[in-house]
Amino acid sequence: NKNDLILHFFFLLSMSSIVEDKSSLCSKFQERRFWSAVKLLSNVLLWDGIVQEDTVRDLGLSKLLNRYLLLKLLNTPPGPDNTEKCNKVVACLPERWFQDLKSGSTLPELLNFCQHLLR
């Protein structure tokens, strides 16, 4: 079920704000969950062109990226770790979604992510 999948990642990623010590087991677990969610995002977005674009964008961007991955990114201090995570998220995005966009614009579902990138 789509909602069960989303709730699973929400529970695991939402705890990230309480994880301070990078060497703790909890922190390492949160990192693995983040990368699993990025892998899931990548797999969901691979369905672009097979499943209706609105469905792919809703599940991949509105739900996974905006609700869960962005939460972890916002709680990751600026630096190489955050840059690497953002680059991996960007690498998942289908290029064709950006072909008809005007310079300086983005998809509505990516506004919050873009604001994070500009910080």
N, C-alpha and C. Protein backbone atom coordinates (compact mmCIF):
# COMPACT_ATOMS: atom_id res chain seq x y z
N ASN A 1 0.83 -1.17 0.00
CA ASN A 1 0.00 0.00 0.00
C ASN A 1 0.88 1.24 0.00
N LYS A 2 0.55 2.20 -0.86
CA LYS A 2 1.34 3.43 -1.02
C LYS A 2 1.46 4.19 0.30
N ASN A 3 0.37 4.30 1.05
CA ASN A 3 0.40 5.05 2.31
C ASN A 3 1.24 4.36 3.37
N ASP A 4 1.22 3.04 3.41
CA ASP A 4 2.05 2.31 4.37
C ASP A 4 3.53 2.56 4.11
N LEU A 5 3.89 2.56 2.84
CA LEU A 5 5.27 2.81 2.46
C LEU A 5 5.71 4.20 2.90
N ILE A 6 4.89 5.19 2.66
CA ILE A 6 5.20 6.56 3.03
C ILE A 6 5.30 6.71 4.55
N LEU A 7 4.36 6.12 5.28
CA LEU A 7 4.40 6.20 6.75
C LEU A 7 5.64 5.54 7.32
N HIS A 8 6.06 4.43 6.72
CA HIS A 8 7.27 3.73 7.16
C HIS A 8 8.47 4.67 7.11
N PHE A 9 8.64 5.37 6.00
CA PHE A 9 9.78 6.26 5.88
C PHE A 9 9.62 7.50 6.74
N PHE A 10 8.39 7.98 6.92
CA PHE A 10 8.18 9.14 7.78
C PHE A 10 8.63 8.83 9.20
N PHE A 11 8.21 7.70 9.72
CA PHE A 11 8.57 7.33 11.08
C PHE A 11 10.07 7.26 11.24
N LEU A 12 10.73 6.65 10.29
CA LEU A 12 12.18 6.45 10.41
C LEU A 12 12.96 7.73 10.19
N LEU A 13 12.52 8.58 9.29
CA LEU A 13 13.26 9.81 9.02
C LEU A 13 12.90 10.94 9.97
N SER A 14 11.71 10.93 10.53
CA SER A 14 11.29 12.04 11.38
C SER A 14 12.05 12.08 12.69
N MET A 15 12.66 10.99 13.07
CA MET A 15 13.43 10.96 14.31
C MET A 15 14.78 11.66 14.13
N SER A 16 15.13 12.08 12.93
CA SER A 16 16.46 12.61 12.65
C SER A 16 16.80 13.85 13.48
N SER A 17 15.81 14.63 13.86
CA SER A 17 16.10 15.84 14.62
C SER A 17 16.64 15.54 16.02
N ILE A 18 16.41 14.35 16.52
CA ILE A 18 16.91 14.02 17.86
C ILE A 18 18.26 13.32 17.81
N VAL A 19 18.76 13.06 16.61
CA VAL A 19 20.03 12.36 16.45
C VAL A 19 21.14 13.40 16.30
N GLU A 20 21.99 13.52 17.29
CA GLU A 20 23.07 14.51 17.26
C GLU A 20 24.42 13.87 17.02
N ASP A 21 24.72 12.79 17.73
CA ASP A 21 26.03 12.15 17.67
C ASP A 21 26.13 11.28 16.42
N LYS A 22 26.99 11.70 15.48
CA LYS A 22 27.13 10.99 14.20
C LYS A 22 27.64 9.56 14.37
N SER A 23 28.32 9.28 15.45
CA SER A 23 28.87 7.94 15.66
C SER A 23 27.89 7.01 16.38
N SER A 24 26.75 7.54 16.82
CA SER A 24 25.79 6.72 17.55
C SER A 24 25.10 5.73 16.61
N LEU A 25 24.64 4.65 17.17
CA LEU A 25 23.92 3.65 16.37
C LEU A 25 22.66 4.24 15.77
N CYS A 26 21.99 5.11 16.53
CA CYS A 26 20.76 5.73 16.04
C CYS A 26 21.05 6.62 14.83
N SER A 27 22.12 7.37 14.90
CA SER A 27 22.51 8.24 13.79
C SER A 27 22.87 7.42 12.55
N LYS A 28 23.61 6.36 12.75
CA LYS A 28 23.98 5.49 11.62
C LYS A 28 22.74 4.85 11.01
N PHE A 29 21.81 4.47 11.86
CA PHE A 29 20.55 3.90 11.37
C PHE A 29 19.80 4.93 10.53
N GLN A 30 19.74 6.18 11.02
CA GLN A 30 19.06 7.25 10.29
C GLN A 30 19.71 7.50 8.93
N GLU A 31 21.04 7.42 8.88
CA GLU A 31 21.74 7.60 7.60
C GLU A 31 21.36 6.49 6.62
N ARG A 32 21.33 5.27 7.10
CA ARG A 32 20.93 4.15 6.22
C ARG A 32 19.50 4.33 5.74
N ARG A 33 18.61 4.79 6.60
CA ARG A 33 17.22 5.04 6.21
C ARG A 33 17.14 6.14 5.16
N PHE A 34 17.93 7.18 5.32
CA PHE A 34 17.93 8.26 4.33
C PHE A 34 18.34 7.71 2.97
N TRP A 35 19.42 6.96 2.93
CA TRP A 35 19.90 6.44 1.64
C TRP A 35 18.94 5.41 1.06
N SER A 36 18.25 4.68 1.90
CA SER A 36 17.20 3.76 1.40
C SER A 36 16.06 4.56 0.78
N ALA A 37 15.71 5.68 1.40
CA ALA A 37 14.65 6.52 0.85
C ALA A 37 15.07 7.16 -0.47
N VAL A 38 16.34 7.53 -0.60
CA VAL A 38 16.84 8.06 -1.88
C VAL A 38 16.77 6.97 -2.95
N LYS A 39 17.12 5.76 -2.59
CA LYS A 39 17.02 4.65 -3.54
C LYS A 39 15.56 4.43 -3.95
N LEU A 40 14.66 4.50 -2.99
CA LEU A 40 13.24 4.37 -3.29
C LEU A 40 12.79 5.50 -4.22
N LEU A 41 13.23 6.73 -3.93
CA LEU A 41 12.90 7.86 -4.80
C LEU A 41 13.38 7.60 -6.22
N SER A 42 14.60 7.13 -6.35
CA SER A 42 15.15 6.82 -7.67
C SER A 42 14.31 5.79 -8.39
N ASN A 43 13.93 4.74 -7.68
CA ASN A 43 13.11 3.68 -8.28
C ASN A 43 11.72 4.18 -8.67
N VAL A 44 11.12 4.99 -7.83
CA VAL A 44 9.79 5.55 -8.14
C VAL A 44 9.87 6.41 -9.40
N LEU A 45 10.91 7.26 -9.48
CA LEU A 45 11.03 8.17 -10.61
C LEU A 45 11.39 7.45 -11.91
N LEU A 46 11.92 6.24 -11.80
CA LEU A 46 12.19 5.43 -13.01
C LEU A 46 10.89 5.04 -13.72
N TRP A 47 9.78 5.11 -13.00
CA TRP A 47 8.48 4.77 -13.60
C TRP A 47 7.95 5.89 -14.49
N ASP A 48 8.65 7.04 -14.51
CA ASP A 48 8.23 8.13 -15.38
C ASP A 48 8.23 7.66 -16.83
N GLY A 49 7.15 7.93 -17.52
CA GLY A 49 7.00 7.49 -18.90
C GLY A 49 6.26 6.17 -19.01
N ILE A 50 6.14 5.46 -17.90
CA ILE A 50 5.41 4.18 -17.87
C ILE A 50 4.08 4.40 -17.16
N VAL A 51 4.15 5.07 -16.02
CA VAL A 51 2.98 5.41 -15.22
C VAL A 51 2.71 6.90 -15.46
N GLN A 52 1.48 7.33 -15.28
CA GLN A 52 1.14 8.74 -15.48
C GLN A 52 2.09 9.64 -14.69
N GLU A 53 2.53 10.69 -15.35
CA GLU A 53 3.49 11.61 -14.74
C GLU A 53 2.98 12.20 -13.43
N ASP A 54 1.70 12.55 -13.36
CA ASP A 54 1.13 13.10 -12.13
C ASP A 54 1.29 12.15 -10.96
N THR A 55 1.09 10.86 -11.21
CA THR A 55 1.22 9.85 -10.16
C THR A 55 2.66 9.73 -9.69
N VAL A 56 3.59 9.71 -10.64
CA VAL A 56 5.01 9.60 -10.30
C VAL A 56 5.47 10.84 -9.52
N ARG A 57 5.06 12.01 -9.98
CA ARG A 57 5.46 13.24 -9.29
C ARG A 57 4.83 13.33 -7.91
N ASP A 58 3.59 12.88 -7.75
CA ASP A 58 2.95 12.90 -6.44
C ASP A 58 3.68 12.00 -5.46
N LEU A 59 3.90 10.78 -5.85
CA LEU A 59 4.56 9.84 -4.94
C LEU A 59 6.03 10.20 -4.71
N GLY A 60 6.74 10.48 -5.80
CA GLY A 60 8.18 10.74 -5.67
C GLY A 60 8.51 12.09 -5.08
N LEU A 61 7.88 13.14 -5.60
CA LEU A 61 8.24 14.49 -5.16
C LEU A 61 7.40 14.98 -3.99
N SER A 62 6.09 14.94 -4.12
CA SER A 62 5.23 15.47 -3.06
C SER A 62 5.32 14.66 -1.78
N LYS A 63 5.41 13.37 -1.92
CA LYS A 63 5.40 12.51 -0.72
C LYS A 63 6.82 12.20 -0.25
N LEU A 64 7.62 11.51 -1.02
CA LEU A 64 8.95 11.11 -0.55
C LEU A 64 9.89 12.30 -0.35
N LEU A 65 10.06 13.11 -1.37
CA LEU A 65 11.02 14.21 -1.27
C LEU A 65 10.55 15.28 -0.29
N ASN A 66 9.38 15.84 -0.51
CA ASN A 66 8.94 16.98 0.29
C ASN A 66 8.57 16.63 1.72
N ARG A 67 8.04 15.47 1.95
CA ARG A 67 7.63 15.12 3.32
C ARG A 67 8.74 14.51 4.14
N TYR A 68 9.61 13.73 3.52
CA TYR A 68 10.55 12.94 4.32
C TYR A 68 12.01 13.23 4.04
N LEU A 69 12.41 13.20 2.79
CA LEU A 69 13.82 13.46 2.51
C LEU A 69 14.21 14.89 2.86
N LEU A 70 13.36 15.83 2.53
CA LEU A 70 13.66 17.23 2.83
C LEU A 70 13.79 17.47 4.33
N LEU A 71 13.02 16.76 5.13
CA LEU A 71 13.13 16.86 6.58
C LEU A 71 14.55 16.51 7.03
N LYS A 72 15.08 15.43 6.51
CA LYS A 72 16.44 15.02 6.85
C LYS A 72 17.46 16.04 6.33
N LEU A 73 17.26 16.51 5.10
CA LEU A 73 18.19 17.49 4.54
C LEU A 73 18.21 18.78 5.35
N LEU A 74 17.06 19.22 5.80
CA LEU A 74 16.99 20.45 6.60
C LEU A 74 17.66 20.29 7.96
N ASN A 75 17.75 19.05 8.44
CA ASN A 75 18.39 18.77 9.73
C ASN A 75 19.84 18.35 9.59
N THR A 76 20.36 18.39 8.37
CA THR A 76 21.77 18.09 8.12
C THR A 76 22.51 19.41 8.01
N PRO A 77 23.56 19.60 8.81
CA PRO A 77 24.29 20.87 8.75
C PRO A 77 24.86 21.13 7.35
N PRO A 78 24.96 22.40 6.95
CA PRO A 78 25.57 22.71 5.66
C PRO A 78 26.99 22.13 5.59
N GLY A 79 27.37 21.67 4.43
CA GLY A 79 28.71 21.11 4.26
C GLY A 79 28.69 19.99 3.24
N PRO A 80 29.79 19.26 3.15
CA PRO A 80 29.93 18.22 2.12
C PRO A 80 28.88 17.11 2.22
N ASP A 81 28.48 16.75 3.42
CA ASP A 81 27.48 15.69 3.61
C ASP A 81 26.13 16.12 3.01
N ASN A 82 25.72 17.34 3.32
CA ASN A 82 24.46 17.86 2.79
C ASN A 82 24.53 18.01 1.28
N THR A 83 25.66 18.49 0.77
CA THR A 83 25.84 18.65 -0.68
C THR A 83 25.75 17.31 -1.39
N GLU A 84 26.39 16.29 -0.83
CA GLU A 84 26.32 14.95 -1.43
C GLU A 84 24.88 14.44 -1.47
N LYS A 85 24.16 14.61 -0.39
CA LYS A 85 22.77 14.15 -0.32
C LYS A 85 21.91 14.88 -1.36
N CYS A 86 22.09 16.18 -1.46
CA CYS A 86 21.31 16.96 -2.44
C CYS A 86 21.65 16.54 -3.87
N ASN A 87 22.93 16.32 -4.14
CA ASN A 87 23.35 15.88 -5.48
C ASN A 87 22.72 14.55 -5.85
N LYS A 88 22.64 13.64 -4.90
CA LYS A 88 22.03 12.33 -5.17
C LYS A 88 20.54 12.47 -5.46
N VAL A 89 19.87 13.35 -4.75
CA VAL A 89 18.45 13.59 -5.00
C VAL A 89 18.27 14.18 -6.40
N VAL A 90 19.08 15.17 -6.75
CA VAL A 90 18.99 15.80 -8.07
C VAL A 90 19.24 14.78 -9.17
N ALA A 91 20.17 13.88 -8.95
CA ALA A 91 20.50 12.85 -9.96
C ALA A 91 19.32 11.93 -10.25
N CYS A 92 18.39 11.82 -9.33
CA CYS A 92 17.21 10.96 -9.52
C CYS A 92 16.17 11.58 -10.45
N LEU A 93 16.18 12.89 -10.57
CA LEU A 93 15.11 13.60 -11.28
C LEU A 93 15.21 13.41 -12.79
N PRO A 94 14.10 13.04 -13.44
CA PRO A 94 14.11 12.87 -14.89
C PRO A 94 14.37 14.21 -15.60
N GLU A 95 15.35 14.22 -16.48
CA GLU A 95 15.72 15.46 -17.19
C GLU A 95 14.57 16.02 -18.00
N ARG A 96 13.74 15.16 -18.55
CA ARG A 96 12.68 15.64 -19.44
C ARG A 96 11.68 16.53 -18.72
N TRP A 97 11.58 16.43 -17.39
CA TRP A 97 10.68 17.28 -16.63
C TRP A 97 11.10 18.75 -16.70
N PHE A 98 12.36 19.02 -17.04
CA PHE A 98 12.90 20.38 -17.02
C PHE A 98 13.09 20.97 -18.41
N GLN A 99 12.85 20.21 -19.44
CA GLN A 99 13.13 20.65 -20.81
C GLN A 99 12.31 21.86 -21.23
N ASP A 100 11.07 21.95 -20.84
CA ASP A 100 10.21 23.05 -21.28
C ASP A 100 10.08 24.17 -20.26
N LEU A 101 10.86 24.13 -19.21
CA LEU A 101 10.80 25.17 -18.19
C LEU A 101 11.64 26.39 -18.60
N LYS A 102 11.18 27.56 -18.22
CA LYS A 102 11.93 28.78 -18.47
C LYS A 102 13.13 28.83 -17.52
N SER A 103 14.14 29.54 -17.92
CA SER A 103 15.32 29.71 -17.08
C SER A 103 14.93 30.31 -15.73
N GLY A 104 15.47 29.77 -14.66
CA GLY A 104 15.17 30.28 -13.32
C GLY A 104 13.89 29.76 -12.72
N SER A 105 13.18 28.87 -13.42
CA SER A 105 11.94 28.31 -12.86
C SER A 105 12.14 26.83 -12.57
N THR A 106 11.18 26.28 -11.85
CA THR A 106 11.26 24.86 -11.50
C THR A 106 9.85 24.29 -11.40
N LEU A 107 9.77 23.01 -11.14
CA LEU A 107 8.48 22.37 -10.92
C LEU A 107 7.92 22.82 -9.58
N PRO A 108 6.61 22.98 -9.49
CA PRO A 108 6.02 23.42 -8.21
C PRO A 108 6.40 22.51 -7.05
N GLU A 109 6.49 21.21 -7.30
CA GLU A 109 6.81 20.25 -6.23
C GLU A 109 8.26 20.38 -5.75
N LEU A 110 9.09 21.10 -6.51
CA LEU A 110 10.51 21.23 -6.14
C LEU A 110 10.85 22.58 -5.51
N LEU A 111 9.85 23.43 -5.29
CA LEU A 111 10.13 24.76 -4.75
C LEU A 111 10.85 24.71 -3.40
N ASN A 112 10.37 23.89 -2.48
CA ASN A 112 11.01 23.80 -1.15
C ASN A 112 12.42 23.25 -1.25
N PHE A 113 12.62 22.26 -2.09
CA PHE A 113 13.95 21.69 -2.28
C PHE A 113 14.88 22.75 -2.89
N CYS A 114 14.41 23.50 -3.85
CA CYS A 114 15.22 24.56 -4.46
C CYS A 114 15.57 25.62 -3.45
N GLN A 115 14.63 25.98 -2.59
CA GLN A 115 14.93 26.97 -1.53
C GLN A 115 16.02 26.45 -0.61
N HIS A 116 15.98 25.17 -0.31
CA HIS A 116 17.03 24.56 0.51
C HIS A 116 18.38 24.64 -0.19
N LEU A 117 18.40 24.39 -1.49
CA LEU A 117 19.65 24.44 -2.24
C LEU A 117 20.25 25.84 -2.27
N LEU A 118 19.41 26.85 -2.23
CA LEU A 118 19.89 28.23 -2.29
C LEU A 118 20.42 28.75 -0.97
N ARG A 119 20.19 28.03 0.11
CA ARG A 119 20.67 28.48 1.43
C ARG A 119 22.14 28.31 1.56
